[in-house]
C-alpha cells in the first residue's frame, strides 16, 4: 500500500514538472540559438560602427564565443547526465551515490521525510498487529531499505531498544522520526494503543504528502516562468544596451 502510494505521488510530481520543464527546455534552446547565431553577428556590427560596448554586453559576447567553441560539449552533456543517472547506481555496490534527478528538486527533502514517516509508522503498525516483536519488525525494515542513512538510523533505533528503551525513546535517540510523532508514540505506549496510533500517524503523513504535492504543483509553473523571463530579459537587455547608450537611440 505504501509503495503504491509512493508511486502515485511520484507520478503526480513528474506530471506537474512536465510542462514547466518543456517550457524551460524550449526557452534555453532559444537562448542558445541567440548566443550561437545572433550575438556574434551583432558584435561584429557594433565593432564596424565603432560603438563602445558596455562590460555586461562584453560578457554576453564572451559567453557566445565560449558557446561556439564548446558547442559539442553542450550538445553531449545532457546525454551524458542521463546516461550517468541510469548507469551509476548499478556500477557500484553502494547504491546511494547517484539517484534520479528528481531528488534535487526543492520539495524532495521534505517529501522523503514525510514518506519515511508514513512507511515507518504503517509498516510497524502492520507488523505489531501481526504479533511480531519490535526487533524483528525493525530487521524487516532494514532488509527492505536501500538508503544508507535510513539503515544507520534504523540500526541505532534497534540498538537502543535492545538496551531496554521503549520505541519512543529509541526513535528520539536516533532522530529517525519527527519530534511531534515521537511525543504521540510516547502517549500511545503509555496507553497501550501503539498500533492504532501508528496507523493514524501514517494516514496523517499521507495527507501531508498530498498537500505538499498540491502546493508544489501550484508553485512550480510560475517559478519556472519567472526564471525563464529573467534569463531572456537579461540577454535582451544586454544585447540592446550598446544601442540605447548611443546618440542614435535618441
C-alpha atoms as a PDB file:
ATOM      1  CA  UNK A   1       0.000   0.000   0.000  1.00  0.00           C
ATOM      2  CA  UNK A   2       2.792   2.409   0.915  1.00  0.00           C
ATOM      3  CA  UNK A   3       4.781   1.564  -2.229  1.00  0.00           C
ATOM      4  CA  UNK A   4       1.709   2.136  -4.413  1.00  0.00           C
ATOM      5  CA  UNK A   5       1.074   5.447  -2.679  1.00  0.00           C
ATOM      6  CA  UNK A   6       4.687   6.470  -3.266  1.00  0.00           C
ATOM      7  CA  UNK A   7       4.459   5.554  -6.968  1.00  0.00           C
ATOM      8  CA  UNK A   8       1.280   7.596  -7.396  1.00  0.00           C
ATOM      9  CA  UNK A   9       2.793  10.617  -5.656  1.00  0.00           C
ATOM     10  CA  UNK A  10       5.947  10.459  -7.784  1.00  0.00           C
ATOM     11  CA  UNK A  11       3.780  10.281 -10.920  1.00  0.00           C
ATOM     12  CA  UNK A  12       1.938  13.414  -9.770  1.00  0.00           C
ATOM     13  CA  UNK A  13       5.218  15.263  -9.208  1.00  0.00           C
ATOM     14  CA  UNK A  14       6.562  14.207 -12.609  1.00  0.00           C
ATOM     15  CA  UNK A  15       3.347  15.200 -14.372  1.00  0.00           C
ATOM     16  CA  UNK A  16       3.400  18.613 -12.669  1.00  0.00           C
ATOM     17  CA  UNK A  17       7.017  19.060 -13.831  1.00  0.00           C
ATOM     18  CA  UNK A  18       6.448  18.068 -17.458  1.00  0.00           C
ATOM     19  CA  UNK A  19       5.014  21.346 -18.812  1.00  0.00           C
ATOM     20  CA  UNK A  20       7.364  23.700 -16.871  1.00  0.00           C
ATOM     21  CA  UNK A  21      10.381  21.628 -17.895  1.00  0.00           C
ATOM     22  CA  UNK A  22       9.226  21.662 -21.513  1.00  0.00           C
ATOM     23  CA  UNK A  23       8.868  25.432 -21.303  1.00  0.00           C
ATOM     24  CA  UNK A  24      12.311  25.741 -19.720  1.00  0.00           C
ATOM     25  CA  UNK A  25      13.880  23.497 -22.377  1.00  0.00           C
ATOM     26  CA  UNK A  26      12.371  25.481 -25.265  1.00  0.00           C
ATOM     27  CA  UNK A  27      13.478  28.746 -23.676  1.00  0.00           C
ATOM     28  CA  UNK A  28      17.028  27.504 -23.185  1.00  0.00           C
ATOM     29  CA  UNK A  29      17.160  26.344 -26.808  1.00  0.00           C
ATOM     30  CA  UNK A  30      16.024  29.808 -27.937  1.00  0.00           C
ATOM     31  CA  UNK A  31      18.696  31.434 -25.757  1.00  0.00           C
ATOM     32  CA  UNK A  32      21.373  29.095 -27.120  1.00  0.00           C
ATOM     33  CA  UNK A  33      20.220  29.947 -30.662  1.00  0.00           C
ATOM     34  CA  UNK A  34      20.611  33.671 -29.888  1.00  0.00           C
ATOM     35  CA  UNK A  35      24.021  33.146 -28.324  1.00  0.00           C
ATOM     36  CA  UNK A  36      25.308  30.955 -31.130  1.00  0.00           C
ATOM     37  CA  UNK A  37      23.917  32.717 -34.222  1.00  0.00           C
ATOM     38  CA  UNK A  38      22.674  36.227 -33.413  1.00  0.00           C
ATOM     39  CA  UNK A  39      25.028  37.726 -30.834  1.00  0.00           C
ATOM     40  CA  UNK A  40      28.317  37.128 -32.767  1.00  0.00           C
ATOM     41  CA  UNK A  41      26.837  38.885 -35.815  1.00  0.00           C
ATOM     42  CA  UNK A  42      25.538  41.657 -33.600  1.00  0.00           C
ATOM     43  CA  UNK A  43      29.008  42.061 -32.036  1.00  0.00           C
ATOM     44  CA  UNK A  44      30.584  42.442 -35.496  1.00  0.00           C
ATOM     45  CA  UNK A  45      28.056  45.162 -36.360  1.00  0.00           C
ATOM     46  CA  UNK A  46      28.881  47.042 -33.147  1.00  0.00           C
ATOM     47  CA  UNK A  47      32.599  46.867 -33.933  1.00  0.00           C
ATOM     48  CA  UNK A  48      32.038  48.070 -37.515  1.00  0.00           C
ATOM     49  CA  UNK A  49      30.049  51.142 -36.472  1.00  0.00           C
ATOM     50  CA  UNK A  50      32.547  51.941 -33.703  1.00  0.00           C
ATOM     51  CA  UNK A  51      30.067  51.798 -30.823  1.00  0.00           C
ATOM     52  CA  UNK A  52      31.517  51.487 -27.325  1.00  0.00           C
ATOM     53  CA  UNK A  53      30.495  48.145 -25.856  1.00  0.00           C
ATOM     54  CA  UNK A  54      29.478  48.055 -22.148  1.00  0.00           C
ATOM     55  CA  UNK A  55      31.039  45.465 -19.863  1.00  0.00           C
ATOM     56  CA  UNK A  56      27.796  43.476 -19.498  1.00  0.00           C
ATOM     57  CA  UNK A  57      27.479  43.197 -23.265  1.00  0.00           C
ATOM     58  CA  UNK A  58      31.138  42.169 -23.494  1.00  0.00           C
ATOM     59  CA  UNK A  59      30.455  39.377 -21.020  1.00  0.00           C
ATOM     60  CA  UNK A  60      27.482  38.265 -23.109  1.00  0.00           C
ATOM     61  CA  UNK A  61      29.638  38.235 -26.263  1.00  0.00           C
ATOM     62  CA  UNK A  62      32.331  36.243 -24.404  1.00  0.00           C
ATOM     63  CA  UNK A  63      29.664  33.738 -23.390  1.00  0.00           C
ATOM     64  CA  UNK A  64      28.549  33.443 -27.014  1.00  0.00           C
ATOM     65  CA  UNK A  65      32.158  32.867 -28.152  1.00  0.00           C
ATOM     66  CA  UNK A  66      32.612  30.235 -25.447  1.00  0.00           C
ATOM     67  CA  UNK A  67      29.419  28.504 -26.591  1.00  0.00           C
ATOM     68  CA  UNK A  68      30.629  28.479 -30.206  1.00  0.00           C
ATOM     69  CA  UNK A  69      33.970  26.936 -29.287  1.00  0.00           C
ATOM     70  CA  UNK A  70      32.429  24.310 -26.960  1.00  0.00           C
ATOM     71  CA  UNK A  71      29.172  23.538 -28.748  1.00  0.00           C
ATOM     72  CA  UNK A  72      29.907  19.789 -28.838  1.00  0.00           C
ATOM     73  CA  UNK A  73      30.168  19.700 -25.048  1.00  0.00           C
ATOM     74  CA  UNK A  74      26.819  21.488 -24.633  1.00  0.00           C
ATOM     75  CA  UNK A  75      25.145  19.070 -27.038  1.00  0.00           C
ATOM     76  CA  UNK A  76      26.625  15.956 -25.423  1.00  0.00           C
ATOM     77  CA  UNK A  77      26.278  16.967 -21.744  1.00  0.00           C
ATOM     78  CA  UNK A  78      22.509  16.224 -21.372  1.00  0.00           C
ATOM     79  CA  UNK A  79      23.002  12.758 -22.810  1.00  0.00           C
ATOM     80  CA  UNK A  80      25.995  12.155 -20.511  1.00  0.00           C
ATOM     81  CA  UNK A  81      23.999  13.241 -17.456  1.00  0.00           C
ATOM     82  CA  UNK A  82      21.103  10.933 -18.354  1.00  0.00           C
ATOM     83  CA  UNK A  83      23.496   8.045 -19.006  1.00  0.00           C
ATOM     84  CA  UNK A  84      25.228   8.511 -15.643  1.00  0.00           C
ATOM     85  CA  UNK A  85      21.848   8.796 -13.957  1.00  0.00           C
ATOM     86  CA  UNK A  86      20.861   5.386 -15.320  1.00  0.00           C
ATOM     87  CA  UNK A  87      24.183   3.521 -15.091  1.00  0.00           C
ATOM     88  CA  UNK A  88      25.887   4.863 -11.943  1.00  0.00           C
ATOM     89  CA  UNK A  89      23.685   3.131  -9.298  1.00  0.00           C
ATOM     90  CA  UNK A  90      24.353  -0.253 -10.934  1.00  0.00           C
ATOM     91  CA  UNK A  91      28.120   0.194 -11.320  1.00  0.00           C
ATOM     92  CA  UNK A  92      28.928   0.132  -7.588  1.00  0.00           C
ATOM     93  CA  UNK A  93      27.989  -1.896  -4.538  1.00  0.00           C
ATOM     94  CA  UNK A  94      26.846   1.282  -2.721  1.00  0.00           C
ATOM     95  CA  UNK A  95      23.621   2.207  -4.498  1.00  0.00           C
ATOM     96  CA  UNK A  96      23.218   5.634  -2.944  1.00  0.00           C
ATOM     97  CA  UNK A  97      25.771   7.715  -4.800  1.00  0.00           C
ATOM     98  CA  UNK A  98      23.680   8.949  -7.720  1.00  0.00           C
ATOM     99  CA  UNK A  99      19.906   8.858  -7.532  1.00  0.00           C
ATOM    100  CA  UNK A 100      17.459  10.165 -10.166  1.00  0.00           C
ATOM    101  CA  UNK A 101      17.465  13.907 -10.766  1.00  0.00           C
ATOM    102  CA  UNK A 102      14.080  14.172  -9.038  1.00  0.00           C
ATOM    103  CA  UNK A 103      15.779  14.226  -5.642  1.00  0.00           C
ATOM    104  CA  UNK A 104      17.357  17.611  -6.406  1.00  0.00           C
ATOM    105  CA  UNK A 105      14.004  19.366  -6.505  1.00  0.00           C
ATOM    106  CA  UNK A 106      13.438  21.724  -3.545  1.00  0.00           C
ATOM    107  CA  UNK A 107      10.443  19.713  -2.366  1.00  0.00           C
ATOM    108  CA  UNK A 108      12.282  16.377  -2.449  1.00  0.00           C
ATOM    109  CA  UNK A 109      13.839  16.505   1.037  1.00  0.00           C
ATOM    110  CA  UNK A 110      10.514  17.239   2.725  1.00  0.00           C
ATOM    111  CA  UNK A 111       8.806  14.619   0.571  1.00  0.00           C
ATOM    112  CA  UNK A 112      11.332  11.934   1.550  1.00  0.00           C
ATOM    113  CA  UNK A 113      10.913  12.687   5.261  1.00  0.00           C
ATOM    114  CA  UNK A 114       7.133  12.507   5.076  1.00  0.00           C
ATOM    115  CA  UNK A 115       7.266   9.331   3.013  1.00  0.00           C
ATOM    116  CA  UNK A 116       9.612   7.661   5.510  1.00  0.00           C
ATOM    117  CA  UNK A 117       7.345   8.685   8.406  1.00  0.00           C
ATOM    118  CA  UNK A 118       4.439   7.071   6.589  1.00  0.00           C
ATOM    119  CA  UNK A 119       6.435   3.960   5.698  1.00  0.00           C
ATOM    120  CA  UNK A 120       7.860   3.523   9.215  1.00  0.00           C
ATOM    121  CA  UNK A 121       4.558   4.006  11.043  1.00  0.00           C
ATOM    122  CA  UNK A 122       2.452   1.935   8.649  1.00  0.00           C
ATOM    123  CA  UNK A 123       4.920  -0.963   8.424  1.00  0.00           C
ATOM    124  CA  UNK A 124       5.497  -1.048  12.180  1.00  0.00           C
ATOM    125  CA  UNK A 125       1.738  -0.984  12.824  1.00  0.00           C
ATOM    126  CA  UNK A 126       1.140  -3.939  10.492  1.00  0.00           C
ATOM    127  CA  UNK A 127       3.970  -5.973  11.993  1.00  0.00           C
ATOM    128  CA  UNK A 128       2.892  -5.231  15.584  1.00  0.00           C
ATOM    129  CA  UNK A 129      -0.709  -6.247  14.761  1.00  0.00           C
ATOM    130  CA  UNK A 130       0.740  -9.452  13.347  1.00  0.00           C
ATOM    131  CA  UNK A 131       2.269 -10.066  16.835  1.00  0.00           C
ATOM    132  CA  UNK A 132       5.808  -9.774  15.531  1.00  0.00           C
ATOM    133  CA  UNK A 133       8.237  -8.365  18.096  1.00  0.00           C
ATOM    134  CA  UNK A 134       9.831  -4.945  17.599  1.00  0.00           C
ATOM    135  CA  UNK A 135      13.348  -6.207  16.845  1.00  0.00           C
ATOM    136  CA  UNK A 136      12.108  -8.492  14.073  1.00  0.00           C
ATOM    137  CA  UNK A 137       9.959  -5.656  12.732  1.00  0.00           C
ATOM    138  CA  UNK A 138      12.989  -3.351  12.540  1.00  0.00           C
ATOM    139  CA  UNK A 139      15.042  -6.118  10.922  1.00  0.00           C
ATOM    140  CA  UNK A 140      12.325  -6.450   8.289  1.00  0.00           C
ATOM    141  CA  UNK A 141      12.525  -2.710   7.546  1.00  0.00           C
ATOM    142  CA  UNK A 142      16.335  -2.874   7.464  1.00  0.00           C
ATOM    143  CA  UNK A 143      16.197  -5.657   4.882  1.00  0.00           C
ATOM    144  CA  UNK A 144      13.789  -3.652   2.704  1.00  0.00           C
ATOM    145  CA  UNK A 145      15.559  -0.280   2.829  1.00  0.00           C
ATOM    146  CA  UNK A 146      18.253   0.730   0.345  1.00  0.00           C
ATOM    147  CA  UNK A 147      19.075   4.160   1.784  1.00  0.00           C
ATOM    148  CA  UNK A 148      22.269   4.009   3.853  1.00  0.00           C
ATOM    149  CA  UNK A 149      21.266   6.924   6.096  1.00  0.00           C
ATOM    150  CA  UNK A 150      17.944   5.267   6.880  1.00  0.00           C
ATOM    151  CA  UNK A 151      19.668   1.957   7.549  1.00  0.00           C
ATOM    152  CA  UNK A 152      22.012   3.663  10.013  1.00  0.00           C
ATOM    153  CA  UNK A 153      19.145   5.290  11.889  1.00  0.00           C
ATOM    154  CA  UNK A 154      17.161   2.045  11.954  1.00  0.00           C
ATOM    155  CA  UNK A 155      20.205   0.236  13.337  1.00  0.00           C
ATOM    156  CA  UNK A 156      20.584   2.894  16.035  1.00  0.00           C
ATOM    157  CA  UNK A 157      16.900   2.531  16.916  1.00  0.00           C
ATOM    158  CA  UNK A 158      17.209  -1.245  17.150  1.00  0.00           C
ATOM    159  CA  UNK A 159      20.308  -0.985  19.360  1.00  0.00           C
ATOM    160  CA  UNK A 160      18.536   1.452  21.700  1.00  0.00           C
ATOM    161  CA  UNK A 161      15.549  -0.907  22.025  1.00  0.00           C
ATOM    162  CA  UNK A 162      17.854  -3.826  22.783  1.00  0.00           C
ATOM    163  CA  UNK A 163      19.333  -1.769  25.639  1.00  0.00           C
ATOM    164  CA  UNK A 164      15.905  -1.534  27.254  1.00  0.00           C
ATOM    165  CA  UNK A 165      14.477   1.699  25.803  1.00  0.00           C
ATOM    166  CA  UNK A 166      10.913   1.848  24.562  1.00  0.00           C
ATOM    167  CA  UNK A 167      10.117   2.679  20.936  1.00  0.00           C
ATOM    168  CA  UNK A 168       9.606   6.401  21.537  1.00  0.00           C
ATOM    169  CA  UNK A 169      12.904   6.865  23.403  1.00  0.00           C
ATOM    170  CA  UNK A 170      14.777   4.768  20.842  1.00  0.00           C
ATOM    171  CA  UNK A 171      13.366   6.841  17.978  1.00  0.00           C
ATOM    172  CA  UNK A 172      14.263  10.018  19.860  1.00  0.00           C
ATOM    173  CA  UNK A 173      17.886   8.913  20.311  1.00  0.00           C
ATOM    174  CA  UNK A 174      18.300   8.038  16.637  1.00  0.00           C
ATOM    175  CA  UNK A 175      16.310  11.107  15.402  1.00  0.00           C
ATOM    176  CA  UNK A 176      14.566   8.820  12.950  1.00  0.00           C
ATOM    177  CA  UNK A 177      11.137  10.480  13.268  1.00  0.00           C
ATOM    178  CA  UNK A 178       9.795  13.993  13.699  1.00  0.00           C
ATOM    179  CA  UNK A 179       9.634  15.128  17.384  1.00  0.00           C
ATOM    180  CA  UNK A 180       5.832  15.538  17.185  1.00  0.00           C
ATOM    181  CA  UNK A 181       5.465  11.912  16.118  1.00  0.00           C
ATOM    182  CA  UNK A 182       7.755  10.760  18.932  1.00  0.00           C
ATOM    183  CA  UNK A 183       5.579  12.576  21.509  1.00  0.00           C
ATOM    184  CA  UNK A 184       2.488  10.797  20.191  1.00  0.00           C
ATOM    185  CA  UNK A 185       4.315   7.467  20.326  1.00  0.00           C
ATOM    186  CA  UNK A 186       5.159   8.075  23.998  1.00  0.00           C
ATOM    187  CA  UNK A 187       1.487   8.681  24.801  1.00  0.00           C
ATOM    188  CA  UNK A 188       0.425   5.650  22.732  1.00  0.00           C
ATOM    189  CA  UNK A 189       2.860   3.339  24.544  1.00  0.00           C
ATOM    190  CA  UNK A 190       1.650   4.530  27.933  1.00  0.00           C
ATOM    191  CA  UNK A 191      -1.970   3.925  26.881  1.00  0.00           C
ATOM    192  CA  UNK A 192      -1.103   0.560  25.269  1.00  0.00           C
ATOM    193  CA  UNK A 193      -2.550   1.838  21.995  1.00  0.00           C
ATOM    194  CA  UNK A 194       0.526   1.710  19.782  1.00  0.00           C
ATOM    195  CA  UNK A 195      -0.718   0.046  16.579  1.00  0.00           C
ATOM    196  CA  UNK A 196      -3.820   2.258  16.048  1.00  0.00           C
ATOM    197  CA  UNK A 197      -1.738   5.358  16.799  1.00  0.00           C
ATOM    198  CA  UNK A 198       0.870   4.316  14.239  1.00  0.00           C
ATOM    199  CA  UNK A 199      -1.876   3.814  11.641  1.00  0.00           C
ATOM    200  CA  UNK A 200      -3.276   7.302  12.346  1.00  0.00           C
ATOM    201  CA  UNK A 201       0.213   8.806  12.076  1.00  0.00           C
ATOM    202  CA  UNK A 202       0.736   7.062   8.727  1.00  0.00           C
ATOM    203  CA  UNK A 203      -2.583   8.465   7.437  1.00  0.00           C
ATOM    204  CA  UNK A 204      -1.622  11.968   8.598  1.00  0.00           C
ATOM    205  CA  UNK A 205       1.737  11.690   6.815  1.00  0.00           C
ATOM    206  CA  UNK A 206      -0.054  10.587   3.652  1.00  0.00           C
ATOM    207  CA  UNK A 207      -2.335  13.647   3.857  1.00  0.00           C
ATOM    208  CA  UNK A 208       0.670  15.926   4.381  1.00  0.00           C
ATOM    209  CA  UNK A 209       2.330  14.418   1.297  1.00  0.00           C
ATOM    210  CA  UNK A 210      -0.812  15.122  -0.771  1.00  0.00           C
ATOM    211  CA  UNK A 211      -0.923  18.745   0.473  1.00  0.00           C
ATOM    212  CA  UNK A 212       2.798  19.183  -0.235  1.00  0.00           C
ATOM    213  CA  UNK A 213       2.399  17.918  -3.795  1.00  0.00           C
ATOM    214  CA  UNK A 214      -0.591  20.218  -4.405  1.00  0.00           C
ATOM    215  CA  UNK A 215       1.378  23.249  -3.160  1.00  0.00           C
ATOM    216  CA  UNK A 216       4.341  22.231  -5.286  1.00  0.00           C
ATOM    217  CA  UNK A 217       2.203  21.840  -8.399  1.00  0.00           C
ATOM    218  CA  UNK A 218       0.794  25.339  -7.892  1.00  0.00           C
ATOM    219  CA  UNK A 219       4.226  26.941  -7.401  1.00  0.00           C
ATOM    220  CA  UNK A 220       6.492  25.174  -9.892  1.00  0.00           C
ATOM    221  CA  UNK A 221       4.980  26.617 -13.089  1.00  0.00           C
ATOM    222  CA  UNK A 222       5.053  30.341 -12.132  1.00  0.00           C
ATOM    223  CA  UNK A 223       8.561  29.919 -10.673  1.00  0.00           C
ATOM    224  CA  UNK A 224       9.861  28.426 -13.928  1.00  0.00           C
ATOM    225  CA  UNK A 225       8.171  31.171 -15.961  1.00  0.00           C
ATOM    226  CA  UNK A 226       9.735  33.874 -13.756  1.00  0.00           C
ATOM    227  CA  UNK A 227      13.210  32.299 -14.054  1.00  0.00           C
ATOM    228  CA  UNK A 228      12.911  31.979 -17.843  1.00  0.00           C
ATOM    229  CA  UNK A 229      11.645  35.554 -18.130  1.00  0.00           C
ATOM    230  CA  UNK A 230      14.581  36.858 -16.076  1.00  0.00           C
ATOM    231  CA  UNK A 231      17.106  34.973 -18.230  1.00  0.00           C
ATOM    232  CA  UNK A 232      15.575  36.137 -21.517  1.00  0.00           C
ATOM    233  CA  UNK A 233      15.199  39.694 -20.199  1.00  0.00           C
ATOM    234  CA  UNK A 234      18.861  39.729 -19.136  1.00  0.00           C
ATOM    235  CA  UNK A 235      20.008  38.579 -22.583  1.00  0.00           C
ATOM    236  CA  UNK A 236      17.819  41.067 -24.489  1.00  0.00           C
ATOM    237  CA  UNK A 237      18.725  43.984 -22.198  1.00  0.00           C
ATOM    238  CA  UNK A 238      22.465  43.408 -22.590  1.00  0.00           C
ATOM    239  CA  UNK A 239      22.028  42.844 -26.309  1.00  0.00           C
ATOM    240  CA  UNK A 240      20.433  46.256 -26.886  1.00  0.00           C
ATOM    241  CA  UNK A 241      22.339  48.158 -24.199  1.00  0.00           C
ATOM    242  CA  UNK A 242      25.020  49.484 -26.614  1.00  0.00           C
ATOM    243  CA  UNK A 243      22.327  50.823 -28.955  1.00  0.00           C
ATOM    244  CA  UNK A 244      20.445  52.502 -26.134  1.00  0.00           C
ATOM    245  CA  UNK A 245      23.604  54.221 -24.952  1.00  0.00           C
ATOM    246  CA  UNK A 246      24.473  55.713 -28.362  1.00  0.00           C
ATOM    247  CA  UNK A 247      23.197  59.105 -29.599  1.00  0.00           C
ATOM    248  CA  UNK A 248      21.461  57.262 -32.450  1.00  0.00           C
ATOM    249  CA  UNK A 249      18.958  55.878 -29.967  1.00  0.00           C
ATOM    250  CA  UNK A 250      17.696  59.405 -29.067  1.00  0.00           C
END
